[in-house]
Amino acid sequence: MKMQWTDVADIAIELSDARANVDPQYVNFVDLRAWVLALPDFDDDPDRCGEKILEAIQMAWIDEVS
């Protein structure tokens, strides 16, 4: 199943698996965006991403690991 920017919870799960040694609280949005784009199941237009989406992903990732 291909993920899009709106699949915030699924992206957070994938990031928590792929970046298990990273504390999401301290990830900057430039790195976060690059890591999402690098996920194997991610398939969406990179230009459709904004700060609000990245913030939602980061918060979901924090919830996922806590």
C-alpha atoms as a PDB file:
ATOM      1  CA  MET A   1       0.000   0.000   0.000  1.00  0.00           C
ATOM      2  CA  LYS A   2       1.435   3.344  -1.022  1.00  0.00           C
ATOM      3  CA  MET A   3       1.436   6.151   1.533  1.00  0.00           C
ATOM      4  CA  GLN A   4       0.703   9.809   0.927  1.00  0.00           C
ATOM      5  CA  TRP A   5       1.328  12.886   3.057  1.00  0.00           C
ATOM      6  CA  THR A   6      -2.114  12.519   4.629  1.00  0.00           C
ATOM      7  CA  ASP A   7      -1.255   9.052   5.988  1.00  0.00           C
ATOM      8  CA  VAL A   8       0.291  10.623   9.071  1.00  0.00           C
ATOM      9  CA  ALA A   9      -0.143   7.637  11.421  1.00  0.00           C
ATOM     10  CA  ASP A  10       1.219   5.133   8.910  1.00  0.00           C
ATOM     11  CA  ILE A  11       4.210   7.349   8.187  1.00  0.00           C
ATOM     12  CA  ALA A  12       4.893   7.667  11.925  1.00  0.00           C
ATOM     13  CA  ILE A  13       4.873   3.878  12.323  1.00  0.00           C
ATOM     14  CA  GLU A  14       7.234   3.437   9.394  1.00  0.00           C
ATOM     15  CA  LEU A  15       9.590   6.111  10.710  1.00  0.00           C
ATOM     16  CA  SER A  16       9.639   4.593  14.183  1.00  0.00           C
ATOM     17  CA  ASP A  17      10.706   1.286  12.620  1.00  0.00           C
ATOM     18  CA  ALA A  18      13.181   2.757  10.147  1.00  0.00           C
ATOM     19  CA  ARG A  19      14.718   5.266  12.576  1.00  0.00           C
ATOM     20  CA  ALA A  20      14.454   3.392  15.884  1.00  0.00           C
ATOM     21  CA  ASN A  21      17.547   5.121  17.285  1.00  0.00           C
ATOM     22  CA  VAL A  22      16.209   8.638  16.623  1.00  0.00           C
ATOM     23  CA  ASP A  23      14.279  10.738  19.142  1.00  0.00           C
ATOM     24  CA  PRO A  24      11.577  12.353  16.975  1.00  0.00           C
ATOM     25  CA  GLN A  25      11.287  15.298  19.345  1.00  0.00           C
ATOM     26  CA  TYR A  26      14.638  16.619  18.113  1.00  0.00           C
ATOM     27  CA  VAL A  27      14.260  16.007  14.374  1.00  0.00           C
ATOM     28  CA  ASN A  28      14.269  19.100  12.184  1.00  0.00           C
ATOM     29  CA  PHE A  29      11.747  19.363   9.378  1.00  0.00           C
ATOM     30  CA  VAL A  30      14.371  19.212   6.616  1.00  0.00           C
ATOM     31  CA  ASP A  31      15.533  15.784   7.808  1.00  0.00           C
ATOM     32  CA  LEU A  32      11.986  14.625   8.528  1.00  0.00           C
ATOM     33  CA  ARG A  33      10.837  15.485   5.020  1.00  0.00           C
ATOM     34  CA  ALA A  34      13.822  13.670   3.481  1.00  0.00           C
ATOM     35  CA  TRP A  35      13.230  10.592   5.632  1.00  0.00           C
ATOM     36  CA  VAL A  36       9.551  10.449   4.683  1.00  0.00           C
ATOM     37  CA  LEU A  37      10.394  10.759   0.996  1.00  0.00           C
ATOM     38  CA  ALA A  38      12.910   7.907   1.392  1.00  0.00           C
ATOM     39  CA  LEU A  39      10.372   5.474   2.871  1.00  0.00           C
ATOM     40  CA  PRO A  40       9.895   2.583   0.433  1.00  0.00           C
ATOM     41  CA  ASP A  41       6.085   2.715   0.526  1.00  0.00           C
ATOM     42  CA  PHE A  42       5.826   6.493   0.236  1.00  0.00           C
ATOM     43  CA  ASP A  43       4.497   7.752  -3.083  1.00  0.00           C
ATOM     44  CA  ASP A  44       3.262  11.327  -3.153  1.00  0.00           C
ATOM     45  CA  ASP A  45       4.244  14.644  -4.659  1.00  0.00           C
ATOM     46  CA  PRO A  46       7.101  16.151  -2.586  1.00  0.00           C
ATOM     47  CA  ASP A  47       5.690  19.625  -3.240  1.00  0.00           C
ATOM     48  CA  ARG A  48       2.405  18.798  -1.459  1.00  0.00           C
ATOM     49  CA  CYS A  49       4.158  18.831   1.901  1.00  0.00           C
ATOM     50  CA  GLY A  50       4.130  21.805   4.223  1.00  0.00           C
ATOM     51  CA  GLU A  51       5.083  22.635   7.776  1.00  0.00           C
ATOM     52  CA  LYS A  52       1.695  21.591   9.181  1.00  0.00           C
ATOM     53  CA  ILE A  53       1.950  18.125   7.671  1.00  0.00           C
ATOM     54  CA  LEU A  54       5.502  17.680   8.944  1.00  0.00           C
ATOM     55  CA  GLU A  55       4.438  18.834  12.398  1.00  0.00           C
ATOM     56  CA  ALA A  56       1.565  16.323  12.398  1.00  0.00           C
ATOM     57  CA  ILE A  57       3.933  13.533  11.346  1.00  0.00           C
ATOM     58  CA  GLN A  58       6.422  14.493  14.045  1.00  0.00           C
ATOM     59  CA  MET A  59       3.704  14.544  16.737  1.00  0.00           C
ATOM     60  CA  ALA A  60       2.362  11.162  15.607  1.00  0.00           C
ATOM     61  CA  TRP A  61       5.896   9.754  15.652  1.00  0.00           C
ATOM     62  CA  ILE A  62       6.425  11.074  19.186  1.00  0.00           C
ATOM     63  CA  ASP A  63       3.157   9.417  20.239  1.00  0.00           C
ATOM     64  CA  GLU A  64       4.195   6.187  18.532  1.00  0.00           C
ATOM     65  CA  VAL A  65       7.456   5.869  20.467  1.00  0.00           C
ATOM     66  CA  SER A  66       6.183   7.018  23.849  1.00  0.00           C
END
